Amino acid sequence: MKPLKTVLGFVAGLSVGALVGILYAPQKGTTTRKRIARKSAEYSDDIKDKFSDSVEGLKDTYESTKKDTMEWVDSAKDKTGEYIKNAKKSIK
């Protein structure tokens, strides 16, 4: 969780720094507002992309873990069946 907080802190700091820099730039208000809107859209798109990548990574991890778990369960069932079969043979 700590790397995520670090990345979010970095992105937030970068955003605030860019916004302050834009607001104090010696330009007309309309130009500044357009720049703010453009940068906001860029940051929003970047965050959406990173979030989508994270979700995809989680989905891949989930599917991989699910597959490995099912294989382990199937293996355990097979071994348990063999043990029960051998136990029944030894009782007879």
Foldseek 3Di string as FASTA:
>chain_A
DVVVVVVVVVLVVVLVVVLVVLVPDPDDPVVSVVVNVVVVVVSVVVVVVVVVVVVVVVVVVVVVVVVVVVVVVVVVVVVVVVVVVVVVVVVD
